[in-house]
């Protein structure tokens, strides 16, 4: 499981996909989410606008991530 640190809460699922390098631009998010299974906190999710917060778990392409909020 990879820990992903964010400095602004929330982060949108589409932004998260770009942040971790799964997609290269926001326009790819909709297509990616239609073609691949993504789970947020063990629930299937296909909305690129889904808000992710500190402590949320995301599973994409058999890779697991946990989101941690880091104050700066």
PDB file of N, CA and C in Angstrom:
ATOM      1  N   UNK A   1       0.856  -1.181   0.000  1.00  0.00           N
ATOM      2  CA  UNK A   1       0.000   0.000   0.000  1.00  0.00           C
ATOM      3  C   UNK A   1       0.897   1.237   0.000  1.00  0.00           C
ATOM      4  N   UNK A   2       0.573   2.167  -0.887  1.00  0.00           N
ATOM      5  CA  UNK A   2       1.316   3.422  -0.971  1.00  0.00           C
ATOM      6  C   UNK A   2       0.559   4.520  -0.234  1.00  0.00           C
ATOM      7  N   UNK A   3       1.279   5.328   0.528  1.00  0.00           N
ATOM      8  CA  UNK A   3       0.694   6.481   1.192  1.00  0.00           C
ATOM      9  C   UNK A   3       0.912   7.687   0.290  1.00  0.00           C
ATOM     10  N   UNK A   4      -0.181   8.392   0.005  1.00  0.00           N
ATOM     11  CA  UNK A   4      -0.128   9.590  -0.825  1.00  0.00           C
ATOM     12  C   UNK A   4      -0.437  10.791   0.059  1.00  0.00           C
ATOM     13  N   UNK A   5       0.516  11.705   0.161  1.00  0.00           N
ATOM     14  CA  UNK A   5       0.345  12.892   0.993  1.00  0.00           C
ATOM     15  C   UNK A   5      -0.190  14.037   0.145  1.00  0.00           C
ATOM     16  N   UNK A   6      -1.259  14.664   0.618  1.00  0.00           N
ATOM     17  CA  UNK A   6      -1.836  15.823  -0.051  1.00  0.00           C
ATOM     18  C   UNK A   6      -1.782  17.004   0.912  1.00  0.00           C
ATOM     19  N   UNK A   7      -1.719  18.207   0.356  1.00  0.00           N
ATOM     20  CA  UNK A   7      -1.639  19.396   1.208  1.00  0.00           C
ATOM     21  C   UNK A   7      -2.921  20.208   1.190  1.00  0.00           C
ATOM     22  N   UNK A   8      -3.857  19.831   0.320  1.00  0.00           N
ATOM     23  CA  UNK A   8      -5.143  20.519   0.264  1.00  0.00           C
ATOM     24  C   UNK A   8      -6.239  19.465   0.208  1.00  0.00           C
ATOM     25  N   UNK A   9      -7.189  19.609   1.089  1.00  0.00           N
ATOM     26  CA  UNK A   9      -8.300  18.673   1.177  1.00  0.00           C
ATOM     27  C   UNK A   9      -9.573  19.343   0.699  1.00  0.00           C
ATOM     28  N   UNK A  10     -10.442  18.703  -0.012  1.00  0.00           N
ATOM     29  CA  UNK A  10     -10.295  17.355  -0.567  1.00  0.00           C
ATOM     30  C   UNK A  10      -9.567  17.397  -1.905  1.00  0.00           C
ATOM     31  N   UNK A  11      -9.202  16.224  -2.385  1.00  0.00           N
ATOM     32  CA  UNK A  11      -8.671  16.071  -3.729  1.00  0.00           C
ATOM     33  C   UNK A  11      -9.711  15.265  -4.505  1.00  0.00           C
ATOM     34  N   UNK A  12      -9.966  15.642  -5.730  1.00  0.00           N
ATOM     35  CA  UNK A  12     -10.949  14.918  -6.535  1.00  0.00           C
ATOM     36  C   UNK A  12     -10.311  13.664  -7.121  1.00  0.00           C
ATOM     37  N   UNK A  13     -11.120  12.648  -7.364  1.00  0.00           N
ATOM     38  CA  UNK A  13     -10.606  11.392  -7.889  1.00  0.00           C
ATOM     39  C   UNK A  13      -9.847  11.602  -9.195  1.00  0.00           C
ATOM     40  N   UNK A  14     -10.366  12.444 -10.087  1.00  0.00           N
ATOM     41  CA  UNK A  14      -9.674  12.731 -11.332  1.00  0.00           C
ATOM     42  C   UNK A  14      -8.308  13.363 -11.087  1.00  0.00           C
ATOM     43  N   UNK A  15      -8.225  14.280 -10.124  1.00  0.00           N
ATOM     44  CA  UNK A  15      -6.948  14.904  -9.776  1.00  0.00           C
ATOM     45  C   UNK A  15      -5.992  13.877  -9.175  1.00  0.00           C
ATOM     46  N   UNK A  16      -6.548  12.977  -8.369  1.00  0.00           N
ATOM     47  CA  UNK A  16      -5.746  11.933  -7.748  1.00  0.00           C
ATOM     48  C   UNK A  16      -5.111  11.029  -8.801  1.00  0.00           C
ATOM     49  N   UNK A  17      -5.896  10.647  -9.816  1.00  0.00           N
ATOM     50  CA  UNK A  17      -5.370   9.797 -10.890  1.00  0.00           C
ATOM     51  C   UNK A  17      -4.187  10.463 -11.582  1.00  0.00           C
ATOM     52  N   UNK A  18      -4.285  11.758 -11.797  1.00  0.00           N
ATOM     53  CA  UNK A  18      -3.194  12.500 -12.418  1.00  0.00           C
ATOM     54  C   UNK A  18      -2.013  12.612 -11.453  1.00  0.00           C
ATOM     55  N   UNK A  19      -2.289  12.887 -10.195  1.00  0.00           N
ATOM     56  CA  UNK A  19      -1.256  13.061  -9.173  1.00  0.00           C
ATOM     57  C   UNK A  19      -0.373  11.826  -9.033  1.00  0.00           C
ATOM     58  N   UNK A  20      -0.965  10.638  -9.094  1.00  0.00           N
ATOM     59  CA  UNK A  20      -0.191   9.398  -8.933  1.00  0.00           C
ATOM     60  C   UNK A  20       0.356   8.882 -10.263  1.00  0.00           C
ATOM     61  N   UNK A  21       0.079   9.589 -11.361  1.00  0.00           N
ATOM     62  CA  UNK A  21       0.662   9.250 -12.648  1.00  0.00           C
ATOM     63  C   UNK A  21      -0.059   8.197 -13.463  1.00  0.00           C
ATOM     64  N   UNK A  22      -1.307   7.912 -13.137  1.00  0.00           N
ATOM     65  CA  UNK A  22      -2.080   6.921 -13.886  1.00  0.00           C
ATOM     66  C   UNK A  22      -2.576   7.513 -15.199  1.00  0.00           C
ATOM     67  N   UNK A  23      -2.924   8.788 -15.180  1.00  0.00           N
ATOM     68  CA  UNK A  23      -3.320   9.503 -16.393  1.00  0.00           C
ATOM     69  C   UNK A  23      -2.426  10.726 -16.522  1.00  0.00           C
ATOM     70  N   UNK A  24      -2.408  11.326 -17.721  1.00  0.00           N
ATOM     71  CA  UNK A  24      -1.538  12.490 -17.919  1.00  0.00           C
ATOM     72  C   UNK A  24      -2.289  13.812 -17.910  1.00  0.00           C
ATOM     73  N   UNK A  25      -3.612  13.769 -18.127  1.00  0.00           N
ATOM     74  CA  UNK A  25      -4.394  15.007 -18.067  1.00  0.00           C
ATOM     75  C   UNK A  25      -5.811  14.693 -17.609  1.00  0.00           C
ATOM     76  N   UNK A  26      -6.503  15.726 -17.173  1.00  0.00           N
ATOM     77  CA  UNK A  26      -7.840  15.545 -16.615  1.00  0.00           C
ATOM     78  C   UNK A  26      -8.850  14.969 -17.579  1.00  0.00           C
ATOM     79  N   UNK A  27      -8.667  15.231 -18.871  1.00  0.00           N
ATOM     80  CA  UNK A  27      -9.597  14.722 -19.870  1.00  0.00           C
ATOM     81  C   UNK A  27      -9.602  13.206 -19.976  1.00  0.00           C
ATOM     82  N   UNK A  28      -8.517  12.573 -19.566  1.00  0.00           N
ATOM     83  CA  UNK A  28      -8.423  11.116 -19.623  1.00  0.00           C
ATOM     84  C   UNK A  28      -9.169  10.435 -18.478  1.00  0.00           C
ATOM     85  N   UNK A  29      -9.502  11.177 -17.426  1.00  0.00           N
ATOM     86  CA  UNK A  29     -10.095  10.588 -16.230  1.00  0.00           C
ATOM     87  C   UNK A  29     -11.416   9.890 -16.525  1.00  0.00           C
ATOM     88  N   UNK A  30     -12.295  10.540 -17.270  1.00  0.00           N
ATOM     89  CA  UNK A  30     -13.610   9.965 -17.559  1.00  0.00           C
ATOM     90  C   UNK A  30     -13.466   8.640 -18.290  1.00  0.00           C
ATOM     91  N   UNK A  31     -12.617   8.605 -19.301  1.00  0.00           N
ATOM     92  CA  UNK A  31     -12.417   7.375 -20.072  1.00  0.00           C
ATOM     93  C   UNK A  31     -11.799   6.296 -19.199  1.00  0.00           C
ATOM     94  N   UNK A  32     -10.775   6.655 -18.409  1.00  0.00           N
ATOM     95  CA  UNK A  32     -10.124   5.687 -17.538  1.00  0.00           C
ATOM     96  C   UNK A  32     -11.127   5.058 -16.585  1.00  0.00           C
ATOM     97  N   UNK A  33     -11.979   5.896 -15.985  1.00  0.00           N
ATOM     98  CA  UNK A  33     -12.943   5.399 -15.002  1.00  0.00           C
ATOM     99  C   UNK A  33     -14.038   4.541 -15.645  1.00  0.00           C
ATOM    100  N   UNK A  34     -14.323   4.741 -16.915  1.00  0.00           N
ATOM    101  CA  UNK A  34     -15.287   3.901 -17.622  1.00  0.00           C
ATOM    102  C   UNK A  34     -14.702   2.532 -17.949  1.00  0.00           C
ATOM    103  N   UNK A  35     -13.395   2.487 -18.167  1.00  0.00           N
ATOM    104  CA  UNK A  35     -12.752   1.260 -18.642  1.00  0.00           C
ATOM    105  C   UNK A  35     -12.076   0.441 -17.539  1.00  0.00           C
ATOM    106  N   UNK A  36     -11.933   0.997 -16.349  1.00  0.00           N
ATOM    107  CA  UNK A  36     -11.217   0.323 -15.267  1.00  0.00           C
ATOM    108  C   UNK A  36     -12.008   0.371 -13.970  1.00  0.00           C
ATOM    109  N   UNK A  37     -11.833  -0.662 -13.163  1.00  0.00           N
ATOM    110  CA  UNK A  37     -12.477  -0.687 -11.855  1.00  0.00           C
ATOM    111  C   UNK A  37     -11.644   0.123 -10.869  1.00  0.00           C
ATOM    112  N   UNK A  38     -12.315   1.021 -10.183  1.00  0.00           N
ATOM    113  CA  UNK A  38     -11.688   1.834  -9.148  1.00  0.00           C
ATOM    114  C   UNK A  38     -12.570   1.724  -7.906  1.00  0.00           C
ATOM    115  N   UNK A  39     -11.933   1.513  -6.756  1.00  0.00           N
ATOM    116  CA  UNK A  39     -12.662   1.405  -5.506  1.00  0.00           C
ATOM    117  C   UNK A  39     -12.185   2.484  -4.543  1.00  0.00           C
ATOM    118  N   UNK A  40     -13.128   3.151  -3.894  1.00  0.00           N
ATOM    119  CA  UNK A  40     -12.830   4.119  -2.846  1.00  0.00           C
ATOM    120  C   UNK A  40     -13.462   3.582  -1.580  1.00  0.00           C
ATOM    121  N   UNK A  41     -12.627   3.309  -0.593  1.00  0.00           N
ATOM    122  CA  UNK A  41     -13.096   2.710   0.664  1.00  0.00           C
ATOM    123  C   UNK A  41     -13.905   1.440   0.395  1.00  0.00           C
ATOM    124  N   UNK A  42     -13.390   0.605  -0.498  1.00  0.00           N
ATOM    125  CA  UNK A  42     -13.973  -0.695  -0.871  1.00  0.00           C
ATOM    126  C   UNK A  42     -15.304  -0.591  -1.601  1.00  0.00           C
ATOM    127  N   UNK A  43     -15.659   0.573  -2.107  1.00  0.00           N
ATOM    128  CA  UNK A  43     -16.895   0.776  -2.856  1.00  0.00           C
ATOM    129  C   UNK A  43     -16.537   1.167  -4.287  1.00  0.00           C
ATOM    130  N   UNK A  44     -17.134   0.515  -5.291  1.00  0.00           N
ATOM    131  CA  UNK A  44     -16.838   0.892  -6.681  1.00  0.00           C
ATOM    132  C   UNK A  44     -17.160   2.368  -6.927  1.00  0.00           C
ATOM    133  N   UNK A  45     -16.279   3.035  -7.662  1.00  0.00           N
ATOM    134  CA  UNK A  45     -16.457   4.467  -7.916  1.00  0.00           C
ATOM    135  C   UNK A  45     -16.072   4.783  -9.362  1.00  0.00           C
ATOM    136  N   UNK A  46     -16.925   5.549 -10.055  1.00  0.00           N
ATOM    137  CA  UNK A  46     -16.615   5.936 -11.434  1.00  0.00           C
ATOM    138  C   UNK A  46     -16.808   7.434 -11.680  1.00  0.00           C
ATOM    139  N   UNK A  47     -16.942   8.216 -10.619  1.00  0.00           N
ATOM    140  CA  UNK A  47     -17.118   9.667 -10.755  1.00  0.00           C
ATOM    141  C   UNK A  47     -15.773  10.364 -10.555  1.00  0.00           C
ATOM    142  N   UNK A  48     -15.316  11.063 -11.586  1.00  0.00           N
ATOM    143  CA  UNK A  48     -14.027  11.751 -11.463  1.00  0.00           C
ATOM    144  C   UNK A  48     -14.096  12.887 -10.451  1.00  0.00           C
ATOM    145  N   UNK A  49     -15.287  13.363 -10.139  1.00  0.00           N
ATOM    146  CA  UNK A  49     -15.469  14.434  -9.166  1.00  0.00           C
ATOM    147  C   UNK A  49     -15.640  13.957  -7.737  1.00  0.00           C
ATOM    148  N   UNK A  50     -15.507  12.658  -7.502  1.00  0.00           N
ATOM    149  CA  UNK A  50     -15.620  12.114  -6.143  1.00  0.00           C
ATOM    150  C   UNK A  50     -14.544  12.746  -5.267  1.00  0.00           C
ATOM    151  N   UNK A  51     -14.953  13.301  -4.138  1.00  0.00           N
ATOM    152  CA  UNK A  51     -14.014  13.956  -3.231  1.00  0.00           C
ATOM    153  C   UNK A  51     -13.340  12.917  -2.337  1.00  0.00           C
ATOM    154  N   UNK A  52     -12.026  13.031  -2.217  1.00  0.00           N
ATOM    155  CA  UNK A  52     -11.236  12.137  -1.378  1.00  0.00           C
ATOM    156  C   UNK A  52     -10.647  12.936  -0.224  1.00  0.00           C
ATOM    157  N   UNK A  53     -10.700  12.334   0.961  1.00  0.00           N
ATOM    158  CA  UNK A  53     -10.262  13.007   2.179  1.00  0.00           C
ATOM    159  C   UNK A  53      -9.210  12.180   2.908  1.00  0.00           C
ATOM    160  N   UNK A  54      -8.617  12.791   3.923  1.00  0.00           N
ATOM    161  CA  UNK A  54      -7.638  12.129   4.772  1.00  0.00           C
ATOM    162  C   UNK A  54      -8.177  10.778   5.262  1.00  0.00           C
ATOM    163  N   UNK A  55      -7.397   9.737   5.076  1.00  0.00           N
ATOM    164  CA  UNK A  55      -7.779   8.414   5.552  1.00  0.00           C
ATOM    165  C   UNK A  55      -8.520   7.564   4.537  1.00  0.00           C
ATOM    166  N   UNK A  56      -8.912   8.137   3.385  1.00  0.00           N
ATOM    167  CA  UNK A  56      -9.600   7.354   2.362  1.00  0.00           C
ATOM    168  C   UNK A  56      -8.635   6.371   1.703  1.00  0.00           C
ATOM    169  N   UNK A  57      -9.169   5.192   1.381  1.00  0.00           N
ATOM    170  CA  UNK A  57      -8.417   4.168   0.669  1.00  0.00           C
ATOM    171  C   UNK A  57      -8.883   4.151  -0.783  1.00  0.00           C
ATOM    172  N   UNK A  58      -7.934   4.036  -1.706  1.00  0.00           N
ATOM    173  CA  UNK A  58      -8.250   3.970  -3.128  1.00  0.00           C
ATOM    174  C   UNK A  58      -7.528   2.754  -3.697  1.00  0.00           C
ATOM    175  N   UNK A  59      -8.263   1.941  -4.473  1.00  0.00           N
ATOM    176  CA  UNK A  59      -7.657   0.788  -5.133  1.00  0.00           C
ATOM    177  C   UNK A  59      -7.858   0.936  -6.636  1.00  0.00           C
ATOM    178  N   UNK A  60      -6.741   0.928  -7.370  1.00  0.00           N
ATOM    179  CA  UNK A  60      -6.750   1.109  -8.818  1.00  0.00           C
ATOM    180  C   UNK A  60      -5.747   0.137  -9.424  1.00  0.00           C
ATOM    181  N   UNK A  61      -6.191  -0.640 -10.403  1.00  0.00           N
ATOM    182  CA  UNK A  61      -5.297  -1.553 -11.124  1.00  0.00           C
ATOM    183  C   UNK A  61      -4.480  -2.412 -10.154  1.00  0.00           C
ATOM    184  N   UNK A  62      -5.154  -2.955  -9.150  1.00  0.00           N
ATOM    185  CA  UNK A  62      -4.542  -3.820  -8.130  1.00  0.00           C
ATOM    186  C   UNK A  62      -3.492  -3.121  -7.271  1.00  0.00           C
ATOM    187  N   UNK A  63      -3.454  -1.812  -7.304  1.00  0.00           N
ATOM    188  CA  UNK A  63      -2.568  -1.018  -6.452  1.00  0.00           C
ATOM    189  C   UNK A  63      -3.430  -0.327  -5.410  1.00  0.00           C
ATOM    190  N   UNK A  64      -2.974  -0.349  -4.153  1.00  0.00           N
ATOM    191  CA  UNK A  64      -3.745   0.266  -3.079  1.00  0.00           C
ATOM    192  C   UNK A  64      -3.017   1.503  -2.565  1.00  0.00           C
ATOM    193  N   UNK A  65      -3.820   2.530  -2.302  1.00  0.00           N
ATOM    194  CA  UNK A  65      -3.305   3.813  -1.818  1.00  0.00           C
ATOM    195  C   UNK A  65      -4.099   4.234  -0.593  1.00  0.00           C
ATOM    196  N   UNK A  66      -3.459   4.960   0.301  1.00  0.00           N
ATOM    197  CA  UNK A  66      -4.157   5.624   1.398  1.00  0.00           C
ATOM    198  C   UNK A  66      -3.794   7.099   1.318  1.00  0.00           C
ATOM    199  N   UNK A  67      -4.786   7.941   1.511  1.00  0.00           N
ATOM    200  CA  UNK A  67      -4.584   9.387   1.412  1.00  0.00           C
ATOM    201  C   UNK A  67      -4.359   9.949   2.811  1.00  0.00           C
ATOM    202  N   UNK A  68      -3.305  10.729   2.932  1.00  0.00           N
ATOM    203  CA  UNK A  68      -2.986  11.402   4.187  1.00  0.00           C
ATOM    204  C   UNK A  68      -2.865  12.894   3.940  1.00  0.00           C
ATOM    205  N   UNK A  69      -3.539  13.681   4.771  1.00  0.00           N
ATOM    206  CA  UNK A  69      -3.479  15.127   4.693  1.00  0.00           C
ATOM    207  C   UNK A  69      -2.259  15.606   5.484  1.00  0.00           C
ATOM    208  N   UNK A  70      -1.457  16.441   4.845  1.00  0.00           N
ATOM    209  CA  UNK A  70      -0.244  16.946   5.466  1.00  0.00           C
ATOM    210  C   UNK A  70      -0.316  18.474   5.514  1.00  0.00           C
ATOM    211  N   UNK A  71      -0.414  19.026   6.720  1.00  0.00           N
ATOM    212  CA  UNK A  71      -0.470  20.487   6.861  1.00  0.00           C
ATOM    213  C   UNK A  71       0.891  21.070   6.578  1.00  0.00           C
ATOM    214  N   UNK A  72       0.884  22.233   5.918  1.00  0.00           N
ATOM    215  CA  UNK A  72       2.150  22.932   5.641  1.00  0.00           C
ATOM    216  C   UNK A  72       2.115  24.321   6.200  1.00  0.00           C
TER     217      UNK A  72
END
